[in-house]
Amino acid sequence: MCRKIRQKVHGEWRYFRSCAYMGEPGIEGDERFCLMRTGSYNIFMEFCTCNSKDGCNSAGIHRLGLMGVLTGTLLSVIVAHLLRQ
């Protein structure tokens, strides 16, 4: 499981991600369970426990296509050839 903590202190958002050893994951589509807490001095916190990494990490998946791999390989070969001369 993983845990994401979203914290707002004086209007500035901070994110913390770590492994979760205890907690209850959610059962919805992203498999996360979140608790929200508000404190004094303009502090807001949201604790999420996730069963899958996608529940705690909203970043998209970047895939490198075949053309990108071939371009990188070709560029490496050209640079290596130029450095040998």
PDB file of N, CA and C in Angstrom:
ATOM      1  N   MET A   1       0.847  -1.186   0.000  1.00  0.00           N
ATOM      2  CA  MET A   1       0.000   0.000   0.000  1.00  0.00           C
ATOM      3  C   MET A   1       0.888   1.243   0.000  1.00  0.00           C
ATOM      4  N   CYS A   2       0.321   2.326  -0.415  1.00  0.00           N
ATOM      5  CA  CYS A   2       1.045   3.597  -0.386  1.00  0.00           C
ATOM      6  C   CYS A   2       0.197   4.640   0.338  1.00  0.00           C
ATOM      7  N   ARG A   3       0.854   5.717   0.716  1.00  0.00           N
ATOM      8  CA  ARG A   3       0.162   6.799   1.422  1.00  0.00           C
ATOM      9  C   ARG A   3       0.573   8.119   0.799  1.00  0.00           C
ATOM     10  N   LYS A   4      -0.416   8.983   0.607  1.00  0.00           N
ATOM     11  CA  LYS A   4      -0.148  10.336   0.117  1.00  0.00           C
ATOM     12  C   LYS A   4      -0.739  11.304   1.126  1.00  0.00           C
ATOM     13  N   ILE A   5       0.057  12.269   1.511  1.00  0.00           N
ATOM     14  CA  ILE A   5      -0.407  13.316   2.421  1.00  0.00           C
ATOM     15  C   ILE A   5      -0.325  14.630   1.665  1.00  0.00           C
ATOM     16  N   ARG A   6      -1.457  15.308   1.604  1.00  0.00           N
ATOM     17  CA  ARG A   6      -1.536  16.619   0.957  1.00  0.00           C
ATOM     18  C   ARG A   6      -1.753  17.630   2.069  1.00  0.00           C
ATOM     19  N   GLN A   7      -0.865  18.608   2.153  1.00  0.00           N
ATOM     20  CA  GLN A   7      -0.878  19.551   3.263  1.00  0.00           C
ATOM     21  C   GLN A   7      -0.871  20.977   2.727  1.00  0.00           C
ATOM     22  N   LYS A   8      -1.758  21.800   3.268  1.00  0.00           N
ATOM     23  CA  LYS A   8      -1.794  23.217   2.898  1.00  0.00           C
ATOM     24  C   LYS A   8      -1.489  24.031   4.146  1.00  0.00           C
ATOM     25  N   VAL A   9      -0.365  24.742   4.102  1.00  0.00           N
ATOM     26  CA  VAL A   9       0.059  25.564   5.233  1.00  0.00           C
ATOM     27  C   VAL A   9       0.237  26.984   4.728  1.00  0.00           C
ATOM     28  N   HIS A  10      -0.542  27.906   5.270  1.00  0.00           N
ATOM     29  CA  HIS A  10      -0.500  29.321   4.886  1.00  0.00           C
ATOM     30  C   HIS A  10      -0.637  29.504   3.373  1.00  0.00           C
ATOM     31  N   GLY A  11      -1.546  28.756   2.765  1.00  0.00           N
ATOM     32  CA  GLY A  11      -1.847  28.900   1.346  1.00  0.00           C
ATOM     33  C   GLY A  11      -0.919  28.160   0.399  1.00  0.00           C
ATOM     34  N   GLU A  12       0.074  27.445   0.909  1.00  0.00           N
ATOM     35  CA  GLU A  12       1.032  26.725   0.062  1.00  0.00           C
ATOM     36  C   GLU A  12       0.814  25.220   0.201  1.00  0.00           C
ATOM     37  N   TRP A  13       0.641  24.527  -0.951  1.00  0.00           N
ATOM     38  CA  TRP A  13       0.404  23.081  -0.958  1.00  0.00           C
ATOM     39  C   TRP A  13       1.720  22.319  -0.943  1.00  0.00           C
ATOM     40  N   ARG A  14       1.756  21.249  -0.152  1.00  0.00           N
ATOM     41  CA  ARG A  14       2.908  20.341  -0.094  1.00  0.00           C
ATOM     42  C   ARG A  14       2.386  18.916  -0.190  1.00  0.00           C
ATOM     43  N   TYR A  15       3.148  18.066  -0.867  1.00  0.00           N
ATOM     44  CA  TYR A  15       2.748  16.673  -1.062  1.00  0.00           C
ATOM     45  C   TYR A  15       3.839  15.753  -0.531  1.00  0.00           C
ATOM     46  N   PHE A  16       3.428  14.715   0.183  1.00  0.00           N
ATOM     47  CA  PHE A  16       4.346  13.714   0.717  1.00  0.00           C
ATOM     48  C   PHE A  16       3.825  12.341   0.313  1.00  0.00           C
ATOM     49  N   ARG A  17       4.691  11.509  -0.216  1.00  0.00           N
ATOM     50  CA  ARG A  17       4.311  10.147  -0.601  1.00  0.00           C
ATOM     51  C   ARG A  17       5.247   9.172   0.092  1.00  0.00           C
ATOM     52  N   SER A  18       4.688   8.056   0.577  1.00  0.00           N
ATOM     53  CA  SER A  18       5.499   7.050   1.251  1.00  0.00           C
ATOM     54  C   SER A  18       4.754   5.723   1.244  1.00  0.00           C
ATOM     55  N   CYS A  19       5.419   4.695   1.753  1.00  0.00           N
ATOM     56  CA  CYS A  19       4.767   3.395   1.899  1.00  0.00           C
ATOM     57  C   CYS A  19       3.843   3.437   3.107  1.00  0.00           C
ATOM     58  N   ALA A  20       2.732   2.726   3.021  1.00  0.00           N
ATOM     59  CA  ALA A  20       1.775   2.665   4.129  1.00  0.00           C
ATOM     60  C   ALA A  20       1.818   1.263   4.722  1.00  0.00           C
ATOM     61  N   TYR A  21       2.143   1.177   5.990  1.00  0.00           N
ATOM     62  CA  TYR A  21       2.193  -0.116   6.665  1.00  0.00           C
ATOM     63  C   TYR A  21       0.887  -0.417   7.380  1.00  0.00           C
ATOM     64  N   MET A  22       0.137   0.623   7.711  1.00  0.00           N
ATOM     65  CA  MET A  22      -1.153   0.457   8.376  1.00  0.00           C
ATOM     66  C   MET A  22      -2.161   1.360   7.686  1.00  0.00           C
ATOM     67  N   GLY A  23      -3.407   1.014   7.780  1.00  0.00           N
ATOM     68  CA  GLY A  23      -4.448   1.821   7.172  1.00  0.00           C
ATOM     69  C   GLY A  23      -5.405   0.953   6.395  1.00  0.00           C
ATOM     70  N   GLU A  24      -6.459   1.552   5.921  1.00  0.00           N
ATOM     71  CA  GLU A  24      -7.487   0.826   5.187  1.00  0.00           C
ATOM     72  C   GLU A  24      -7.613   1.421   3.794  1.00  0.00           C
ATOM     73  N   PRO A  25      -7.297   0.636   2.756  1.00  0.00           N
ATOM     74  CA  PRO A  25      -7.449   1.168   1.404  1.00  0.00           C
ATOM     75  C   PRO A  25      -8.913   1.272   1.027  1.00  0.00           C
ATOM     76  N   GLY A  26      -9.208   2.143   0.106  1.00  0.00           N
ATOM     77  CA  GLY A  26     -10.579   2.316  -0.354  1.00  0.00           C
ATOM     78  C   GLY A  26     -11.002   1.210  -1.300  1.00  0.00           C
ATOM     79  N   ILE A  27     -12.276   1.220  -1.648  1.00  0.00           N
ATOM     80  CA  ILE A  27     -12.802   0.185  -2.530  1.00  0.00           C
ATOM     81  C   ILE A  27     -13.332   0.770  -3.827  1.00  0.00           C
ATOM     82  N   GLU A  28     -13.147   2.065  -4.028  1.00  0.00           N
ATOM     83  CA  GLU A  28     -13.646   2.698  -5.246  1.00  0.00           C
ATOM     84  C   GLU A  28     -12.702   2.408  -6.400  1.00  0.00           C
ATOM     85  N   GLY A  29     -12.934   3.023  -7.547  1.00  0.00           N
ATOM     86  CA  GLY A  29     -12.155   2.753  -8.746  1.00  0.00           C
ATOM     87  C   GLY A  29     -10.665   2.972  -8.589  1.00  0.00           C
ATOM     88  N   ASP A  30     -10.262   4.016  -7.838  1.00  0.00           N
ATOM     89  CA  ASP A  30      -8.831   4.273  -7.667  1.00  0.00           C
ATOM     90  C   ASP A  30      -8.280   3.625  -6.405  1.00  0.00           C
ATOM     91  N   GLU A  31      -9.100   2.883  -5.682  1.00  0.00           N
ATOM     92  CA  GLU A  31      -8.709   2.123  -4.495  1.00  0.00           C
ATOM     93  C   GLU A  31      -8.009   2.978  -3.442  1.00  0.00           C
ATOM     94  N   ARG A  32      -8.569   4.149  -3.158  1.00  0.00           N
ATOM     95  CA  ARG A  32      -7.968   4.973  -2.113  1.00  0.00           C
ATOM     96  C   ARG A  32      -9.022   5.401  -1.106  1.00  0.00           C
ATOM     97  N   PHE A  33      -8.573   5.599   0.111  1.00  0.00           N
ATOM     98  CA  PHE A  33      -9.418   6.038   1.205  1.00  0.00           C
ATOM     99  C   PHE A  33      -8.754   7.269   1.805  1.00  0.00           C
ATOM    100  N   CYS A  34      -9.470   8.380   1.862  1.00  0.00           N
ATOM    101  CA  CYS A  34      -8.879   9.643   2.317  1.00  0.00           C
ATOM    102  C   CYS A  34      -9.602  10.188   3.542  1.00  0.00           C
ATOM    103  N   LEU A  35      -8.832  10.742   4.445  1.00  0.00           N
ATOM    104  CA  LEU A  35      -9.346  11.462   5.609  1.00  0.00           C
ATOM    105  C   LEU A  35      -8.880  12.906   5.506  1.00  0.00           C
ATOM    106  N   MET A  36      -9.767  13.843   5.808  1.00  0.00           N
ATOM    107  CA  MET A  36      -9.418  15.261   5.742  1.00  0.00           C
ATOM    108  C   MET A  36      -9.482  15.864   7.138  1.00  0.00           C
ATOM    109  N   ARG A  37      -8.489  16.661   7.451  1.00  0.00           N
ATOM    110  CA  ARG A  37      -8.417  17.320   8.750  1.00  0.00           C
ATOM    111  C   ARG A  37      -8.100  18.797   8.544  1.00  0.00           C
ATOM    112  N   THR A  38      -8.715  19.639   9.346  1.00  0.00           N
ATOM    113  CA  THR A  38      -8.447  21.071   9.334  1.00  0.00           C
ATOM    114  C   THR A  38      -7.998  21.472  10.728  1.00  0.00           C
ATOM    115  N   GLY A  39      -6.915  22.237  10.789  1.00  0.00           N
ATOM    116  CA  GLY A  39      -6.398  22.665  12.075  1.00  0.00           C
ATOM    117  C   GLY A  39      -6.376  24.174  12.181  1.00  0.00           C
ATOM    118  N   SER A  40      -5.840  24.634  13.276  1.00  0.00           N
ATOM    119  CA  SER A  40      -5.728  26.075  13.479  1.00  0.00           C
ATOM    120  C   SER A  40      -4.570  26.619  12.649  1.00  0.00           C
ATOM    121  N   TYR A  41      -4.455  27.917  12.598  1.00  0.00           N
ATOM    122  CA  TYR A  41      -3.396  28.617  11.869  1.00  0.00           C
ATOM    123  C   TYR A  41      -3.424  28.304  10.374  1.00  0.00           C
ATOM    124  N   ASN A  42      -4.617  28.175   9.793  1.00  0.00           N
ATOM    125  CA  ASN A  42      -4.788  28.003   8.353  1.00  0.00           C
ATOM    126  C   ASN A  42      -4.057  26.763   7.821  1.00  0.00           C
ATOM    127  N   ILE A  43      -4.242  25.624   8.492  1.00  0.00           N
ATOM    128  CA  ILE A  43      -3.620  24.365   8.085  1.00  0.00           C
ATOM    129  C   ILE A  43      -4.708  23.376   7.687  1.00  0.00           C
ATOM    130  N   PHE A  44      -4.541  22.742   6.529  1.00  0.00           N
ATOM    131  CA  PHE A  44      -5.460  21.721   6.028  1.00  0.00           C
ATOM    132  C   PHE A  44      -4.625  20.505   5.635  1.00  0.00           C
ATOM    133  N   MET A  45      -5.084  19.290   6.011  1.00  0.00           N
ATOM    134  CA  MET A  45      -4.361  18.075   5.652  1.00  0.00           C
ATOM    135  C   MET A  45      -5.326  17.028   5.133  1.00  0.00           C
ATOM    136  N   GLU A  46      -4.870  16.285   4.143  1.00  0.00           N
ATOM    137  CA  GLU A  46      -5.632  15.171   3.590  1.00  0.00           C
ATOM    138  C   GLU A  46      -4.706  13.957   3.568  1.00  0.00           C
ATOM    139  N   PHE A  47      -5.115  12.866   4.235  1.00  0.00           N
ATOM    140  CA  PHE A  47      -4.345  11.633   4.294  1.00  0.00           C
ATOM    141  C   PHE A  47      -5.039  10.597   3.421  1.00  0.00           C
ATOM    142  N   CYS A  48      -4.348  10.059   2.435  1.00  0.00           N
ATOM    143  CA  CYS A  48      -4.917   9.025   1.567  1.00  0.00           C
ATOM    144  C   CYS A  48      -4.093   7.752   1.678  1.00  0.00           C
ATOM    145  N   THR A  49      -4.775   6.627   1.901  1.00  0.00           N
ATOM    146  CA  THR A  49      -4.147   5.312   1.881  1.00  0.00           C
ATOM    147  C   THR A  49      -4.634   4.613   0.632  1.00  0.00           C
ATOM    148  N   CYS A  50      -3.712   4.098  -0.161  1.00  0.00           N
ATOM    149  CA  CYS A  50      -4.059   3.561  -1.476  1.00  0.00           C
ATOM    150  C   CYS A  50      -3.604   2.118  -1.613  1.00  0.00           C
ATOM    151  N   ASN A  51      -4.410   1.330  -2.284  1.00  0.00           N
ATOM    152  CA  ASN A  51      -4.061  -0.064  -2.539  1.00  0.00           C
ATOM    153  C   ASN A  51      -3.298  -0.202  -3.845  1.00  0.00           C
ATOM    154  N   SER A  52      -3.433   0.754  -4.721  1.00  0.00           N
ATOM    155  CA  SER A  52      -2.700   0.730  -5.987  1.00  0.00           C
ATOM    156  C   SER A  52      -1.960   2.048  -6.126  1.00  0.00           C
ATOM    157  N   LYS A  53      -0.826   2.022  -6.814  1.00  0.00           N
ATOM    158  CA  LYS A  53      -0.029   3.246  -6.926  1.00  0.00           C
ATOM    159  C   LYS A  53      -0.763   4.341  -7.676  1.00  0.00           C
ATOM    160  N   ASP A  54      -1.704   3.984  -8.561  1.00  0.00           N
ATOM    161  CA  ASP A  54      -2.428   4.999  -9.321  1.00  0.00           C
ATOM    162  C   ASP A  54      -3.388   5.794  -8.438  1.00  0.00           C
ATOM    163  N   GLY A  55      -3.821   5.230  -7.328  1.00  0.00           N
ATOM    164  CA  GLY A  55      -4.710   5.953  -6.432  1.00  0.00           C
ATOM    165  C   GLY A  55      -4.026   7.101  -5.724  1.00  0.00           C
ATOM    166  N   CYS A  56      -2.741   6.960  -5.443  1.00  0.00           N
ATOM    167  CA  CYS A  56      -1.998   8.001  -4.732  1.00  0.00           C
ATOM    168  C   CYS A  56      -1.141   8.855  -5.647  1.00  0.00           C
ATOM    169  N   ASN A  57      -0.973   8.437  -6.866  1.00  0.00           N
ATOM    170  CA  ASN A  57      -0.125   9.182  -7.783  1.00  0.00           C
ATOM    171  C   ASN A  57      -0.939   9.503  -9.022  1.00  0.00           C
ATOM    172  N   SER A  58      -1.319  10.751  -9.159  1.00  0.00           N
ATOM    173  CA  SER A  58      -2.193  11.131 -10.267  1.00  0.00           C
ATOM    174  C   SER A  58      -1.424  11.442 -11.543  1.00  0.00           C
ATOM    175  N   ALA A  59      -0.111  11.260 -11.539  1.00  0.00           N
ATOM    176  CA  ALA A  59       0.672  11.537 -12.741  1.00  0.00           C
ATOM    177  C   ALA A  59       0.332  10.524 -13.824  1.00  0.00           C
ATOM    178  N   GLY A  60       0.290  10.987 -15.048  1.00  0.00           N
ATOM    179  CA  GLY A  60      -0.009  10.105 -16.166  1.00  0.00           C
ATOM    180  C   GLY A  60       1.175   9.228 -16.523  1.00  0.00           C
ATOM    181  N   ILE A  61       0.929   8.199 -17.298  1.00  0.00           N
ATOM    182  CA  ILE A  61       1.977   7.290 -17.733  1.00  0.00           C
ATOM    183  C   ILE A  61       2.551   7.811 -19.046  1.00  0.00           C
ATOM    184  N   HIS A  62       3.860   7.965 -19.079  1.00  0.00           N
ATOM    185  CA  HIS A  62       4.529   8.416 -20.296  1.00  0.00           C
ATOM    186  C   HIS A  62       5.166   7.205 -20.956  1.00  0.00           C
ATOM    187  N   ARG A  63       4.871   7.024 -22.211  1.00  0.00           N
ATOM    188  CA  ARG A  63       5.433   5.897 -22.947  1.00  0.00           C
ATOM    189  C   ARG A  63       6.323   6.424 -24.059  1.00  0.00           C
ATOM    190  N   LEU A  64       7.450   5.778 -24.198  1.00  0.00           N
ATOM    191  CA  LEU A  64       8.380   6.136 -25.254  1.00  0.00           C
ATOM    192  C   LEU A  64       8.120   5.201 -26.421  1.00  0.00           C
ATOM    193  N   GLY A  65       7.701   5.758 -27.533  1.00  0.00           N
ATOM    194  CA  GLY A  65       7.366   4.956 -28.695  1.00  0.00           C
ATOM    195  C   GLY A  65       8.594   4.416 -29.404  1.00  0.00           C
ATOM    196  N   LEU A  66       8.359   3.547 -30.356  1.00  0.00           N
ATOM    197  CA  LEU A  66       9.436   2.938 -31.128  1.00  0.00           C
ATOM    198  C   LEU A  66      10.254   3.998 -31.854  1.00  0.00           C
ATOM    199  N   MET A  67       9.600   5.007 -32.381  1.00  0.00           N
ATOM    200  CA  MET A  67      10.315   6.064 -33.099  1.00  0.00           C
ATOM    201  C   MET A  67      11.256   6.815 -32.157  1.00  0.00           C
ATOM    202  N   GLY A  68      10.847   7.041 -30.925  1.00  0.00           N
ATOM    203  CA  GLY A  68      11.705   7.710 -29.949  1.00  0.00           C
ATOM    204  C   GLY A  68      12.936   6.885 -29.611  1.00  0.00           C
ATOM    205  N   VAL A  69      12.753   5.573 -29.470  1.00  0.00           N
ATOM    206  CA  VAL A  69      13.881   4.689 -29.178  1.00  0.00           C
ATOM    207  C   VAL A  69      14.854   4.666 -30.353  1.00  0.00           C
ATOM    208  N   LEU A  70      14.329   4.545 -31.567  1.00  0.00           N
ATOM    209  CA  LEU A  70      15.191   4.523 -32.750  1.00  0.00           C
ATOM    210  C   LEU A  70      15.936   5.839 -32.935  1.00  0.00           C
ATOM    211  N   THR A  71      15.268   6.951 -32.697  1.00  0.00           N
ATOM    212  CA  THR A  71      15.906   8.261 -32.814  1.00  0.00           C
ATOM    213  C   THR A  71      17.029   8.407 -31.791  1.00  0.00           C
ATOM    214  N   GLY A  72      16.780   7.995 -30.561  1.00  0.00           N
ATOM    215  CA  GLY A  72      17.810   8.065 -29.521  1.00  0.00           C
ATOM    216  C   GLY A  72      19.010   7.190 -29.840  1.00  0.00           C
ATOM    217  N   THR A  73      18.756   5.985 -30.354  1.00  0.00           N
ATOM    218  CA  THR A  73      19.842   5.081 -30.724  1.00  0.00           C
ATOM    219  C   THR A  73      20.664   5.659 -31.867  1.00  0.00           C
ATOM    220  N   LEU A  74      19.989   6.164 -32.882  1.00  0.00           N
ATOM    221  CA  LEU A  74      20.683   6.752 -34.027  1.00  0.00           C
ATOM    222  C   LEU A  74      21.519   7.955 -33.604  1.00  0.00           C
ATOM    223  N   LEU A  75      20.975   8.790 -32.759  1.00  0.00           N
ATOM    224  CA  LEU A  75      21.703   9.959 -32.271  1.00  0.00           C
ATOM    225  C   LEU A  75      22.942   9.538 -31.483  1.00  0.00           C
ATOM    226  N   SER A  76      22.834   8.495 -30.668  1.00  0.00           N
ATOM    227  CA  SER A  76      23.979   7.996 -29.901  1.00  0.00           C
ATOM    228  C   SER A  76      25.075   7.475 -30.817  1.00  0.00           C
ATOM    229  N   VAL A  77      24.689   6.759 -31.870  1.00  0.00           N
ATOM    230  CA  VAL A  77      25.666   6.228 -32.820  1.00  0.00           C
ATOM    231  C   VAL A  77      26.377   7.364 -33.545  1.00  0.00           C
ATOM    232  N   ILE A  78      25.651   8.384 -33.953  1.00  0.00           N
ATOM    233  CA  ILE A  78      26.249   9.523 -34.653  1.00  0.00           C
ATOM    234  C   ILE A  78      27.220  10.268 -33.749  1.00  0.00           C
ATOM    235  N   VAL A  79      26.838  10.513 -32.513  1.00  0.00           N
ATOM    236  CA  VAL A  79      27.719  11.221 -31.572  1.00  0.00           C
ATOM    237  C   VAL A  79      28.968  10.393 -31.298  1.00  0.00           C
ATOM    238  N   ALA A  80      28.819   9.082 -31.104  1.00  0.00           N
ATOM    239  CA  ALA A  80      29.978   8.217 -30.865  1.00  0.00           C
ATOM    240  C   ALA A  80      30.916   8.228 -32.065  1.00  0.00           C
ATOM    241  N   HIS A  81      30.364   8.201 -33.262  1.00  0.00           N
ATOM    242  CA  HIS A  81      31.180   8.232 -34.480  1.00  0.00           C
ATOM    243  C   HIS A  81      31.937   9.560 -34.598  1.00  0.00           C
ATOM    244  N   LEU A  82      31.291  10.663 -34.290  1.00  0.00           N
ATOM    245  CA  LEU A  82      31.939  11.975 -34.369  1.00  0.00           C
ATOM    246  C   LEU A  82      33.036  12.130 -33.322  1.00  0.00           C
ATOM    247  N   LEU A  83      32.855  11.550 -32.152  1.00  0.00           N
ATOM    248  CA  LEU A  83      33.861  11.661 -31.093  1.00  0.00           C
ATOM    249  C   LEU A  83      35.102  10.830 -31.394  1.00  0.00           C
ATOM    250  N   ARG A  84      34.964   9.772 -32.169  1.00  0.00           N
ATOM    251  CA  ARG A  84      36.113   8.925 -32.523  1.00  0.00           C
ATOM    252  C   ARG A  84      37.024   9.593 -33.549  1.00  0.00           C
ATOM    253  N   GLN A  85      36.514  10.531 -34.293  1.00  0.00           N
ATOM    254  CA  GLN A  85      37.317  11.164 -35.349  1.00  0.00           C
ATOM    255  C   GLN A  85      38.194  12.249 -34.816  1.00  0.00           C
TER     256      GLN A  85
END
